[in-house]
PDB file of all heavy atoms in Angstrom:
ATOM      1  N   GLY A   1     194.624 318.825 -81.138  1.00  0.00           N
ATOM      2  CA  GLY A   1     194.237 317.670 -80.356  1.00  0.00           C
ATOM      3  C   GLY A   1     193.953 318.015 -78.915  1.00  0.00           C
ATOM      4  O   GLY A   1     192.989 317.513 -78.315  1.00  0.00           O
ATOM      5  N   ARG A   2     194.762 318.894 -78.354  1.00  0.00           N
ATOM      6  CA  ARG A   2     194.553 319.286 -76.968  1.00  0.00           C
ATOM      7  C   ARG A   2     193.266 320.102 -76.782  1.00  0.00           C
ATOM      8  O   ARG A   2     192.552 319.922 -75.793  1.00  0.00           O
ATOM      9  CB  ARG A   2     195.755 320.111 -76.477  1.00  0.00           C
ATOM     10  CG  ARG A   2     197.032 319.318 -76.314  1.00  0.00           C
ATOM     11  CD  ARG A   2     198.163 320.260 -75.918  1.00  0.00           C
ATOM     12  NE  ARG A   2     199.389 319.511 -75.720  1.00  0.00           N
ATOM     13  CZ  ARG A   2     200.571 320.091 -75.399  1.00  0.00           C
ATOM     14  NH1 ARG A   2     200.627 321.381 -75.250  1.00  0.00           N
ATOM     15  NH2 ARG A   2     201.647 319.346 -75.248  1.00  0.00           N
ATOM     16  N   GLU A   3     193.003 320.985 -77.734  1.00  0.00           N
ATOM     17  CA  GLU A   3     191.904 321.912 -77.562  1.00  0.00           C
ATOM     18  C   GLU A   3     190.562 321.398 -78.084  1.00  0.00           C
ATOM     19  O   GLU A   3     189.507 321.697 -77.507  1.00  0.00           O
ATOM     20  CB  GLU A   3     192.233 323.243 -78.258  1.00  0.00           C
ATOM     21  CG  GLU A   3     193.445 323.963 -77.632  1.00  0.00           C
ATOM     22  CD  GLU A   3     193.649 325.353 -78.237  1.00  0.00           C
ATOM     23  OE1 GLU A   3     192.700 326.169 -78.193  1.00  0.00           O
ATOM     24  OE2 GLU A   3     194.737 325.616 -78.734  1.00  0.00           O
ATOM     25  N   TYR A   4     190.585 320.631 -79.187  1.00  0.00           N
ATOM     26  CA  TYR A   4     189.341 320.283 -79.843  1.00  0.00           C
ATOM     27  C   TYR A   4     189.081 318.784 -79.991  1.00  0.00           C
ATOM     28  O   TYR A   4     187.960 318.383 -80.247  1.00  0.00           O
ATOM     29  CB  TYR A   4     189.279 320.927 -81.243  1.00  0.00           C
ATOM     30  CG  TYR A   4     189.377 322.427 -81.217  1.00  0.00           C
ATOM     31  CD1 TYR A   4     190.562 323.072 -81.527  1.00  0.00           C
ATOM     32  CD2 TYR A   4     188.266 323.198 -80.849  1.00  0.00           C
ATOM     33  CE1 TYR A   4     190.649 324.465 -81.483  1.00  0.00           C
ATOM     34  CE2 TYR A   4     188.346 324.595 -80.800  1.00  0.00           C
ATOM     35  CZ  TYR A   4     189.534 325.194 -81.127  1.00  0.00           C
ATOM     36  OH  TYR A   4     189.635 326.576 -81.088  1.00  0.00           O
ATOM     37  N   SER A   5     190.108 317.970 -79.858  1.00  0.00           N
ATOM     38  CA  SER A   5     189.906 316.540 -80.084  1.00  0.00           C
ATOM     39  C   SER A   5     190.698 315.700 -79.089  1.00  0.00           C
ATOM     40  O   SER A   5     191.532 314.871 -79.469  1.00  0.00           O
ATOM     41  CB  SER A   5     190.312 316.195 -81.523  1.00  0.00           C
ATOM     42  OG  SER A   5     189.851 314.916 -81.896  1.00  0.00           O
ATOM     43  N   PRO A   6     190.436 315.889 -77.790  1.00  0.00           N
ATOM     44  CA  PRO A   6     191.194 315.168 -76.767  1.00  0.00           C
ATOM     45  C   PRO A   6     190.758 313.703 -76.678  1.00  0.00           C
ATOM     46  O   PRO A   6     189.702 313.325 -77.212  1.00  0.00           O
ATOM     47  CB  PRO A   6     190.855 315.929 -75.493  1.00  0.00           C
ATOM     48  CG  PRO A   6     189.472 316.458 -75.743  1.00  0.00           C
ATOM     49  CD  PRO A   6     189.451 316.800 -77.192  1.00  0.00           C
ATOM     50  N   ALA A   7     191.546 312.925 -75.963  1.00  0.00           N
ATOM     51  CA  ALA A   7     191.178 311.512 -75.784  1.00  0.00           C
ATOM     52  C   ALA A   7     189.996 311.407 -74.826  1.00  0.00           C
ATOM     53  O   ALA A   7     189.097 310.564 -75.011  1.00  0.00           O
ATOM     54  CB  ALA A   7     192.374 310.745 -75.225  1.00  0.00           C
ATOM     55  N   ARG A   8     189.956 312.268 -73.796  1.00  0.00           N
ATOM     56  CA  ARG A   8     188.859 312.261 -72.820  1.00  0.00           C
ATOM     57  C   ARG A   8     188.088 313.560 -72.899  1.00  0.00           C
ATOM     58  O   ARG A   8     188.655 314.597 -73.187  1.00  0.00           O
ATOM     59  CB  ARG A   8     189.427 312.052 -71.415  1.00  0.00           C
ATOM     60  CG  ARG A   8     190.130 310.712 -71.230  1.00  0.00           C
ATOM     61  CD  ARG A   8     190.679 310.610 -69.822  1.00  0.00           C
ATOM     62  NE  ARG A   8     191.395 309.346 -69.599  1.00  0.00           N
ATOM     63  CZ  ARG A   8     191.987 309.002 -68.482  1.00  0.00           C
ATOM     64  NH1 ARG A   8     191.953 309.840 -67.447  1.00  0.00           N
ATOM     65  NH2 ARG A   8     192.604 307.847 -68.375  1.00  0.00           N
ATOM     66  N   GLY A   9     186.804 313.496 -72.623  1.00  0.00           N
ATOM     67  CA  GLY A   9     185.985 314.687 -72.662  1.00  0.00           C
ATOM     68  C   GLY A   9     185.824 315.255 -74.073  1.00  0.00           C
ATOM     69  O   GLY A   9     185.662 316.459 -74.249  1.00  0.00           O
ATOM     70  N   TRP A  10     185.863 314.361 -75.038  1.00  0.00           N
ATOM     71  CA  TRP A  10     185.813 314.761 -76.447  1.00  0.00           C
ATOM     72  C   TRP A  10     184.402 315.213 -76.818  1.00  0.00           C
ATOM     73  O   TRP A  10     183.426 314.482 -76.582  1.00  0.00           O
ATOM     74  CB  TRP A  10     186.240 313.578 -77.295  1.00  0.00           C
ATOM     75  CG  TRP A  10     186.223 313.788 -78.785  1.00  0.00           C
ATOM     76  CD1 TRP A  10     186.412 314.949 -79.452  1.00  0.00           C
ATOM     77  CD2 TRP A  10     186.044 312.772 -79.771  1.00  0.00           C
ATOM     78  NE1 TRP A  10     186.351 314.733 -80.806  1.00  0.00           N
ATOM     79  CE2 TRP A  10     186.120 313.406 -81.021  1.00  0.00           C
ATOM     80  CE3 TRP A  10     185.813 311.403 -79.702  1.00  0.00           C
ATOM     81  CZ2 TRP A  10     185.970 312.697 -82.212  1.00  0.00           C
ATOM     82  CZ3 TRP A  10     185.656 310.701 -80.887  1.00  0.00           C
ATOM     83  CH2 TRP A  10     185.749 311.333 -82.129  1.00  0.00           C
ATOM     84  N   ASP A  11     184.278 316.398 -77.382  1.00  0.00           N
ATOM     85  CA  ASP A  11     182.987 316.911 -77.871  1.00  0.00           C
ATOM     86  C   ASP A  11     183.089 317.101 -79.372  1.00  0.00           C
ATOM     87  O   ASP A  11     183.734 318.038 -79.862  1.00  0.00           O
ATOM     88  CB  ASP A  11     182.664 318.236 -77.168  1.00  0.00           C
ATOM     89  CG  ASP A  11     181.319 318.801 -77.567  1.00  0.00           C
ATOM     90  OD1 ASP A  11     180.652 318.220 -78.450  1.00  0.00           O
ATOM     91  OD2 ASP A  11     180.917 319.839 -76.987  1.00  0.00           O
ATOM     92  N   LEU A  12     182.414 316.223 -80.106  1.00  0.00           N
ATOM     93  CA  LEU A  12     182.536 316.230 -81.548  1.00  0.00           C
ATOM     94  C   LEU A  12     181.982 317.529 -82.172  1.00  0.00           C
ATOM     95  O   LEU A  12     182.395 317.941 -83.226  1.00  0.00           O
ATOM     96  CB  LEU A  12     181.805 315.023 -82.149  1.00  0.00           C
ATOM     97  CG  LEU A  12     181.987 314.754 -83.640  1.00  0.00           C
ATOM     98  CD1 LEU A  12     183.471 314.531 -83.964  1.00  0.00           C
ATOM     99  CD2 LEU A  12     181.163 313.548 -84.067  1.00  0.00           C
ATOM    100  N   GLU A  13     181.048 318.170 -81.447  1.00  0.00           N
ATOM    101  CA  GLU A  13     180.484 319.408 -81.955  1.00  0.00           C
ATOM    102  C   GLU A  13     181.550 320.490 -82.102  1.00  0.00           C
ATOM    103  O   GLU A  13     181.433 321.368 -82.944  1.00  0.00           O
ATOM    104  CB  GLU A  13     179.354 319.902 -81.034  1.00  0.00           C
ATOM    105  CG  GLU A  13     178.153 318.962 -80.965  1.00  0.00           C
ATOM    106  CD  GLU A  13     177.597 318.671 -82.365  1.00  0.00           C
ATOM    107  OE1 GLU A  13     177.368 319.638 -83.101  1.00  0.00           O
ATOM    108  OE2 GLU A  13     177.407 317.486 -82.702  1.00  0.00           O
ATOM    109  N   LYS A  14     182.589 320.430 -81.267  1.00  0.00           N
ATOM    110  CA  LYS A  14     183.678 321.409 -81.319  1.00  0.00           C
ATOM    111  C   LYS A  14     184.781 320.980 -82.272  1.00  0.00           C
ATOM    112  O   LYS A  14     185.662 321.772 -82.598  1.00  0.00           O
ATOM    113  CB  LYS A  14     184.256 321.621 -79.926  1.00  0.00           C
ATOM    114  CG  LYS A  14     183.270 322.168 -78.931  1.00  0.00           C
ATOM    115  CD  LYS A  14     183.911 322.295 -77.545  1.00  0.00           C
ATOM    116  CE  LYS A  14     182.918 322.817 -76.505  1.00  0.00           C
ATOM    117  NZ  LYS A  14     183.544 322.904 -75.161  1.00  0.00           N
ATOM    118  N   ASP A  15     184.742 319.728 -82.697  1.00  0.00           N
ATOM    119  CA  ASP A  15     185.839 319.134 -83.481  1.00  0.00           C
ATOM    120  C   ASP A  15     185.488 319.096 -84.959  1.00  0.00           C
ATOM    121  O   ASP A  15     185.084 318.059 -85.495  1.00  0.00           O
ATOM    122  CB  ASP A  15     186.120 317.734 -82.935  1.00  0.00           C
ATOM    123  CG  ASP A  15     187.322 317.057 -83.612  1.00  0.00           C
ATOM    124  OD1 ASP A  15     187.887 317.644 -84.543  1.00  0.00           O
ATOM    125  OD2 ASP A  15     187.658 315.926 -83.202  1.00  0.00           O
ATOM    126  N   ILE A  16     185.630 320.226 -85.632  1.00  0.00           N
ATOM    127  CA  ILE A  16     185.205 320.348 -87.040  1.00  0.00           C
ATOM    128  C   ILE A  16     185.972 319.405 -87.955  1.00  0.00           C
ATOM    129  O   ILE A  16     185.404 318.876 -88.930  1.00  0.00           O
ATOM    130  CB  ILE A  16     185.309 321.791 -87.529  1.00  0.00           C
ATOM    131  CG1 ILE A  16     184.708 321.917 -88.922  1.00  0.00           C
ATOM    132  CG2 ILE A  16     186.746 322.301 -87.477  1.00  0.00           C
ATOM    133  CD1 ILE A  16     184.649 323.339 -89.442  1.00  0.00           C
ATOM    134  N   ILE A  17     187.257 319.166 -87.678  1.00  0.00           N
ATOM    135  CA  ILE A  17     188.013 318.328 -88.600  1.00  0.00           C
ATOM    136  C   ILE A  17     187.533 316.892 -88.549  1.00  0.00           C
ATOM    137  O   ILE A  17     187.252 316.280 -89.592  1.00  0.00           O
ATOM    138  CB  ILE A  17     189.534 318.398 -88.270  1.00  0.00           C
ATOM    139  CG1 ILE A  17     190.049 319.814 -88.503  1.00  0.00           C
ATOM    140  CG2 ILE A  17     190.304 317.402 -89.162  1.00  0.00           C
ATOM    141  CD1 ILE A  17     191.554 319.975 -88.243  1.00  0.00           C
ATOM    142  N   THR A  18     187.390 316.310 -87.343  1.00  0.00           N
ATOM    143  CA  THR A  18     186.935 314.942 -87.261  1.00  0.00           C
ATOM    144  C   THR A  18     185.496 314.831 -87.768  1.00  0.00           C
ATOM    145  O   THR A  18     185.130 313.831 -88.413  1.00  0.00           O
ATOM    146  CB  THR A  18     187.019 314.423 -85.811  1.00  0.00           C
ATOM    147  OG1 THR A  18     188.345 314.648 -85.318  1.00  0.00           O
ATOM    148  CG2 THR A  18     186.714 312.933 -85.751  1.00  0.00           C
ATOM    149  N   ARG A  19     184.684 315.816 -87.470  1.00  0.00           N
ATOM    150  CA  ARG A  19     183.301 315.817 -87.943  1.00  0.00           C
ATOM    151  C   ARG A  19     183.234 315.789 -89.448  1.00  0.00           C
ATOM    152  O   ARG A  19     182.323 315.192 -90.045  1.00  0.00           O
ATOM    153  CB  ARG A  19     182.600 317.072 -87.403  1.00  0.00           C
ATOM    154  CG  ARG A  19     181.137 316.860 -87.090  1.00  0.00           C
ATOM    155  CD  ARG A  19     180.568 317.997 -86.254  1.00  0.00           C
ATOM    156  NE  ARG A  19     180.627 319.277 -86.919  1.00  0.00           N
ATOM    157  CZ  ARG A  19     181.217 320.348 -86.421  1.00  0.00           C
ATOM    158  NH1 ARG A  19     181.811 320.286 -85.243  1.00  0.00           N
ATOM    159  NH2 ARG A  19     181.205 321.495 -87.057  1.00  0.00           N
ATOM    160  N   THR A  20     184.232 316.399 -90.110  1.00  0.00           N
ATOM    161  CA  THR A  20     184.217 316.521 -91.569  1.00  0.00           C
ATOM    162  C   THR A  20     184.906 315.353 -92.263  1.00  0.00           C
ATOM    163  O   THR A  20     184.416 314.834 -93.291  1.00  0.00           O
ATOM    164  CB  THR A  20     184.888 317.826 -91.993  1.00  0.00           C
ATOM    165  OG1 THR A  20     184.221 318.932 -91.343  1.00  0.00           O
ATOM    166  CG2 THR A  20     184.808 318.025 -93.509  1.00  0.00           C
ATOM    167  N   VAL A  21     186.043 314.909 -91.715  1.00  0.00           N
ATOM    168  CA  VAL A  21     186.840 313.913 -92.427  1.00  0.00           C
ATOM    169  C   VAL A  21     186.997 312.607 -91.636  1.00  0.00           C
ATOM    170  O   VAL A  21     187.693 311.702 -92.090  1.00  0.00           O
ATOM    171  CB  VAL A  21     188.253 314.459 -92.762  1.00  0.00           C
ATOM    172  CG1 VAL A  21     188.176 315.764 -93.509  1.00  0.00           C
ATOM    173  CG2 VAL A  21     189.113 314.613 -91.505  1.00  0.00           C
ATOM    174  N   GLY A  22     186.346 312.520 -90.484  1.00  0.00           N
ATOM    175  CA  GLY A  22     186.605 311.397 -89.570  1.00  0.00           C
ATOM    176  C   GLY A  22     186.298 310.017 -90.118  1.00  0.00           C
ATOM    177  O   GLY A  22     185.365 309.843 -90.925  1.00  0.00           O
ATOM    178  N   ARG A  23     186.995 309.035 -89.588  1.00  0.00           N
ATOM    179  CA  ARG A  23     186.775 307.629 -89.889  1.00  0.00           C
ATOM    180  C   ARG A  23     185.348 307.240 -89.426  1.00  0.00           C
ATOM    181  O   ARG A  23     184.947 307.538 -88.304  1.00  0.00           O
ATOM    182  CB  ARG A  23     187.818 306.792 -89.154  1.00  0.00           C
ATOM    183  CG  ARG A  23     187.838 305.316 -89.469  1.00  0.00           C
ATOM    184  CD  ARG A  23     188.884 304.644 -88.583  1.00  0.00           C
ATOM    185  NE  ARG A  23     190.227 305.144 -88.842  1.00  0.00           N
ATOM    186  CZ  ARG A  23     191.082 304.589 -89.704  1.00  0.00           C
ATOM    187  NH1 ARG A  23     190.749 303.516 -90.362  1.00  0.00           N
ATOM    188  NH2 ARG A  23     192.278 305.108 -89.878  1.00  0.00           N
ATOM    189  N   LYS A  24     184.617 306.544 -90.257  1.00  0.00           N
ATOM    190  CA  LYS A  24     183.226 306.221 -89.956  1.00  0.00           C
ATOM    191  C   LYS A  24     183.106 305.417 -88.647  1.00  0.00           C
ATOM    192  O   LYS A  24     182.202 305.673 -87.846  1.00  0.00           O
ATOM    193  CB  LYS A  24     182.598 305.432 -91.112  1.00  0.00           C
ATOM    194  CG  LYS A  24     182.316 306.284 -92.333  1.00  0.00           C
ATOM    195  CD  LYS A  24     181.600 305.484 -93.409  1.00  0.00           C
ATOM    196  CE  LYS A  24     181.307 306.353 -94.640  1.00  0.00           C
ATOM    197  NZ  LYS A  24     180.636 305.557 -95.712  1.00  0.00           N
ATOM    198  N   SER A  25     184.008 304.483 -88.435  1.00  0.00           N
ATOM    199  CA  SER A  25     183.920 303.656 -87.223  1.00  0.00           C
ATOM    200  C   SER A  25     184.110 304.509 -85.970  1.00  0.00           C
ATOM    201  O   SER A  25     183.480 304.273 -84.941  1.00  0.00           O
ATOM    202  CB  SER A  25     184.967 302.532 -87.258  1.00  0.00           C
ATOM    203  OG  SER A  25     186.285 303.081 -87.329  1.00  0.00           O
ATOM    204  N   VAL A  26     184.966 305.514 -86.046  1.00  0.00           N
ATOM    205  CA  VAL A  26     185.213 306.419 -84.933  1.00  0.00           C
ATOM    206  C   VAL A  26     183.976 307.262 -84.656  1.00  0.00           C
ATOM    207  O   VAL A  26     183.531 307.425 -83.514  1.00  0.00           O
ATOM    208  CB  VAL A  26     186.439 307.324 -85.204  1.00  0.00           C
ATOM    209  CG1 VAL A  26     186.524 308.423 -84.150  1.00  0.00           C
ATOM    210  CG2 VAL A  26     187.704 306.505 -85.204  1.00  0.00           C
ATOM    211  N   LEU A  27     183.373 307.801 -85.718  1.00  0.00           N
ATOM    212  CA  LEU A  27     182.167 308.616 -85.562  1.00  0.00           C
ATOM    213  C   LEU A  27     181.000 307.786 -85.016  1.00  0.00           C
ATOM    214  O   LEU A  27     180.267 308.231 -84.135  1.00  0.00           O
ATOM    215  CB  LEU A  27     181.806 309.249 -86.899  1.00  0.00           C
ATOM    216  CG  LEU A  27     182.837 310.204 -87.505  1.00  0.00           C
ATOM    217  CD1 LEU A  27     182.384 310.691 -88.870  1.00  0.00           C
ATOM    218  CD2 LEU A  27     183.083 311.388 -86.587  1.00  0.00           C
ATOM    219  N   ASN A  28     180.844 306.577 -85.535  1.00  0.00           N
ATOM    220  CA  ASN A  28     179.756 305.710 -85.085  1.00  0.00           C
ATOM    221  C   ASN A  28     179.909 305.379 -83.606  1.00  0.00           C
ATOM    222  O   ASN A  28     178.947 305.401 -82.847  1.00  0.00           O
ATOM    223  CB  ASN A  28     179.725 304.417 -85.898  1.00  0.00           C
ATOM    224  CG  ASN A  28     179.236 304.658 -87.331  1.00  0.00           C
ATOM    225  OD1 ASN A  28     178.600 305.679 -87.602  1.00  0.00           O
ATOM    226  ND2 ASN A  28     179.549 303.738 -88.218  1.00  0.00           N
ATOM    227  N   GLU A  29     181.146 305.079 -83.191  1.00  0.00           N
ATOM    228  CA  GLU A  29     181.397 304.758 -81.800  1.00  0.00           C
ATOM    229  C   GLU A  29     181.121 305.971 -80.893  1.00  0.00           C
ATOM    230  O   GLU A  29     180.576 305.823 -79.787  1.00  0.00           O
ATOM    231  CB  GLU A  29     182.847 304.280 -81.604  1.00  0.00           C
ATOM    232  CG  GLU A  29     183.191 303.865 -80.194  1.00  0.00           C
ATOM    233  CD  GLU A  29     182.360 302.686 -79.696  1.00  0.00           C
ATOM    234  OE1 GLU A  29     181.886 301.887 -80.541  1.00  0.00           O
ATOM    235  OE2 GLU A  29     182.206 302.586 -78.468  1.00  0.00           O
ATOM    236  N   TYR A  30     181.490 307.143 -81.380  1.00  0.00           N
ATOM    237  CA  TYR A  30     181.216 308.366 -80.615  1.00  0.00           C
ATOM    238  C   TYR A  30     179.719 308.538 -80.378  1.00  0.00           C
ATOM    239  O   TYR A  30     179.268 308.792 -79.266  1.00  0.00           O
ATOM    240  CB  TYR A  30     181.783 309.572 -81.340  1.00  0.00           C
ATOM    241  CG  TYR A  30     181.436 310.890 -80.662  1.00  0.00           C
ATOM    242  CD1 TYR A  30     182.247 311.402 -79.653  1.00  0.00           C
ATOM    243  CD2 TYR A  30     180.297 311.597 -81.013  1.00  0.00           C
ATOM    244  CE1 TYR A  30     181.922 312.609 -79.020  1.00  0.00           C
ATOM    245  CE2 TYR A  30     179.963 312.789 -80.390  1.00  0.00           C
ATOM    246  CZ  TYR A  30     180.772 313.281 -79.389  1.00  0.00           C
ATOM    247  OH  TYR A  30     180.449 314.468 -78.760  1.00  0.00           O
ATOM    248  N   TYR A  31     178.940 308.399 -81.446  1.00  0.00           N
ATOM    249  CA  TYR A  31     177.494 308.613 -81.326  1.00  0.00           C
ATOM    250  C   TYR A  31     176.837 307.515 -80.487  1.00  0.00           C
ATOM    251  O   TYR A  31     175.856 307.786 -79.770  1.00  0.00           O
ATOM    252  CB  TYR A  31     176.870 308.689 -82.711  1.00  0.00           C
ATOM    253  CG  TYR A  31     177.201 309.963 -83.440  1.00  0.00           C
ATOM    254  CD1 TYR A  31     177.856 309.950 -84.659  1.00  0.00           C
ATOM    255  CD2 TYR A  31     176.847 311.209 -82.896  1.00  0.00           C
ATOM    256  CE1 TYR A  31     178.181 311.122 -85.322  1.00  0.00           C
ATOM    257  CE2 TYR A  31     177.171 312.389 -83.549  1.00  0.00           C
ATOM    258  CZ  TYR A  31     177.831 312.337 -84.772  1.00  0.00           C
ATOM    259  OH  TYR A  31     178.139 313.510 -85.397  1.00  0.00           O
TER     260      TYR A  31
END
């Protein structure tokens, strides 16, 4: 969480777990 999926400054390109299994609403909001 600290290194790849922080609350602020989140870069989904670096966050392979959320990119792969993430909640659709979370991914949609990110994009």
